[in-house]
């Protein structure tokens, strides 16, 4: 298994790319979940205003 994770002289570049990718994907997930929560709140407010 360790030989599978060894990329030779390019290890630093490859592991840096993996790290950046994980951070960016994590940030996108967190941002999407927050926007979903805000959209649900906004929808609830609009629906509440439309009640007779």
N, C-alpha and C. Protein backbone atom coordinates (compact mmCIF):
# COMPACT_ATOMS: atom_id res chain seq x y z
N UNK A 1 0.81 -1.21 0.00
CA UNK A 1 0.00 0.00 0.00
C UNK A 1 0.86 1.27 0.00
N UNK A 2 1.93 1.36 0.79
CA UNK A 2 2.74 2.59 0.77
C UNK A 2 3.31 2.90 -0.61
N UNK A 3 3.64 1.87 -1.39
CA UNK A 3 4.18 2.14 -2.73
C UNK A 3 3.10 2.72 -3.65
N UNK A 4 1.85 2.48 -3.34
CA UNK A 4 0.75 3.05 -4.11
C UNK A 4 0.66 4.56 -3.89
N UNK A 5 1.02 5.01 -2.69
CA UNK A 5 0.93 6.43 -2.35
C UNK A 5 2.21 7.20 -2.65
N UNK A 6 3.25 6.52 -3.12
CA UNK A 6 4.52 7.18 -3.43
C UNK A 6 4.53 7.58 -4.91
N UNK A 7 4.62 8.88 -5.14
CA UNK A 7 4.61 9.39 -6.51
C UNK A 7 5.99 9.85 -6.96
N UNK A 8 7.01 9.42 -6.25
CA UNK A 8 8.37 9.76 -6.65
C UNK A 8 8.68 11.23 -6.48
N UNK A 9 9.41 11.78 -7.46
CA UNK A 9 9.85 13.17 -7.36
C UNK A 9 8.69 14.17 -7.48
N UNK A 10 7.54 13.73 -7.93
CA UNK A 10 6.38 14.61 -8.08
C UNK A 10 5.44 14.56 -6.88
N UNK A 11 5.83 13.89 -5.82
CA UNK A 11 4.95 13.70 -4.66
C UNK A 11 4.42 15.01 -4.09
N UNK A 12 5.30 15.98 -3.90
CA UNK A 12 4.88 17.24 -3.27
C UNK A 12 3.82 17.93 -4.14
N UNK A 13 4.04 17.98 -5.44
CA UNK A 13 3.08 18.61 -6.35
C UNK A 13 1.74 17.87 -6.32
N UNK A 14 1.77 16.56 -6.40
CA UNK A 14 0.54 15.77 -6.46
C UNK A 14 -0.23 15.87 -5.15
N UNK A 15 0.45 15.74 -4.00
CA UNK A 15 -0.24 15.82 -2.71
C UNK A 15 -0.77 17.23 -2.45
N UNK A 16 -0.07 18.24 -2.93
CA UNK A 16 -0.58 19.61 -2.82
C UNK A 16 -1.87 19.77 -3.63
N UNK A 17 -1.88 19.22 -4.82
CA UNK A 17 -3.09 19.28 -5.65
C UNK A 17 -4.26 18.56 -5.00
N UNK A 18 -3.99 17.38 -4.43
CA UNK A 18 -5.04 16.66 -3.71
C UNK A 18 -5.57 17.49 -2.54
N UNK A 19 -4.67 18.11 -1.79
CA UNK A 19 -5.08 18.93 -0.65
C UNK A 19 -5.92 20.11 -1.07
N UNK A 20 -5.48 20.81 -2.10
CA UNK A 20 -6.24 21.97 -2.59
C UNK A 20 -7.63 21.52 -3.08
N UNK A 21 -7.69 20.41 -3.77
CA UNK A 21 -8.96 19.90 -4.27
C UNK A 21 -9.92 19.58 -3.13
N UNK A 22 -9.41 18.94 -2.10
CA UNK A 22 -10.26 18.59 -0.95
C UNK A 22 -10.77 19.85 -0.25
N UNK A 23 -9.91 20.85 -0.09
CA UNK A 23 -10.32 22.09 0.55
C UNK A 23 -11.38 22.81 -0.28
N UNK A 24 -11.17 22.88 -1.58
CA UNK A 24 -12.14 23.57 -2.46
C UNK A 24 -13.48 22.84 -2.47
N UNK A 25 -13.46 21.52 -2.60
CA UNK A 25 -14.72 20.77 -2.58
C UNK A 25 -15.44 20.91 -1.25
N UNK A 26 -14.68 20.89 -0.16
CA UNK A 26 -15.29 21.09 1.16
C UNK A 26 -15.93 22.46 1.28
N UNK A 27 -15.25 23.48 0.79
CA UNK A 27 -15.80 24.83 0.84
C UNK A 27 -17.06 24.94 -0.01
N UNK A 28 -17.06 24.28 -1.16
CA UNK A 28 -18.25 24.32 -2.02
C UNK A 28 -19.44 23.63 -1.34
N UNK A 29 -19.19 22.52 -0.67
CA UNK A 29 -20.26 21.81 0.03
C UNK A 29 -20.82 22.66 1.16
N UNK A 30 -19.92 23.26 1.96
CA UNK A 30 -20.37 24.11 3.07
C UNK A 30 -21.16 25.31 2.56
N UNK A 31 -20.67 25.95 1.51
CA UNK A 31 -21.36 27.10 0.93
C UNK A 31 -22.74 26.71 0.41
N UNK A 32 -22.82 25.57 -0.26
CA UNK A 32 -24.09 25.12 -0.81
C UNK A 32 -25.10 24.83 0.30
N UNK A 33 -24.64 24.20 1.37
CA UNK A 33 -25.54 23.89 2.48
C UNK A 33 -26.03 25.16 3.17
N UNK A 34 -25.15 26.14 3.33
CA UNK A 34 -25.56 27.42 3.93
C UNK A 34 -26.57 28.14 3.04
N UNK A 35 -26.32 28.16 1.73
CA UNK A 35 -27.26 28.83 0.82
C UNK A 35 -28.61 28.12 0.81
N UNK A 36 -28.59 26.80 0.91
CA UNK A 36 -29.85 26.04 0.96
C UNK A 36 -30.65 26.43 2.21
N UNK A 37 -29.95 26.55 3.32
CA UNK A 37 -30.61 26.92 4.58
C UNK A 37 -31.21 28.33 4.47
N UNK A 38 -30.45 29.27 3.89
CA UNK A 38 -30.95 30.63 3.72
C UNK A 38 -32.14 30.68 2.75
N UNK A 39 -32.09 29.87 1.70
CA UNK A 39 -33.18 29.85 0.73
C UNK A 39 -34.45 29.30 1.38
N UNK A 40 -34.31 28.29 2.23
CA UNK A 40 -35.48 27.74 2.93
C UNK A 40 -36.10 28.79 3.85
N UNK A 41 -35.24 29.55 4.55
CA UNK A 41 -35.76 30.60 5.42
C UNK A 41 -36.48 31.67 4.62
N UNK A 42 -35.90 32.07 3.49
CA UNK A 42 -36.51 33.10 2.65
C UNK A 42 -37.84 32.61 2.10
N UNK A 43 -37.90 31.35 1.69
CA UNK A 43 -39.15 30.79 1.18
C UNK A 43 -40.21 30.76 2.27
N UNK A 44 -39.83 30.39 3.47
CA UNK A 44 -40.79 30.35 4.58
C UNK A 44 -41.34 31.74 4.85
N UNK A 45 -40.49 32.76 4.77
CA UNK A 45 -40.95 34.14 4.99
C UNK A 45 -41.92 34.56 3.90
N UNK A 46 -41.62 34.25 2.66
CA UNK A 46 -42.51 34.62 1.55
C UNK A 46 -43.84 33.90 1.67
N UNK A 47 -43.81 32.63 1.99
CA UNK A 47 -45.06 31.87 2.13
C UNK A 47 -45.88 32.38 3.31
N UNK A 48 -45.22 32.78 4.39
CA UNK A 48 -45.92 33.31 5.55
C UNK A 48 -46.61 34.64 5.21
N UNK A 49 -45.95 35.47 4.39
CA UNK A 49 -46.53 36.75 3.99
C UNK A 49 -47.73 36.58 3.08
N UNK A 50 -47.80 35.48 2.36
CA UNK A 50 -48.89 35.27 1.41
C UNK A 50 -50.12 34.68 2.05
N UNK A 51 -50.04 34.26 3.29
CA UNK A 51 -51.22 33.69 3.95
C UNK A 51 -52.27 34.79 4.18
N UNK A 52 -53.52 34.42 4.01
CA UNK A 52 -54.59 35.44 4.17
C UNK A 52 -54.79 35.88 5.59
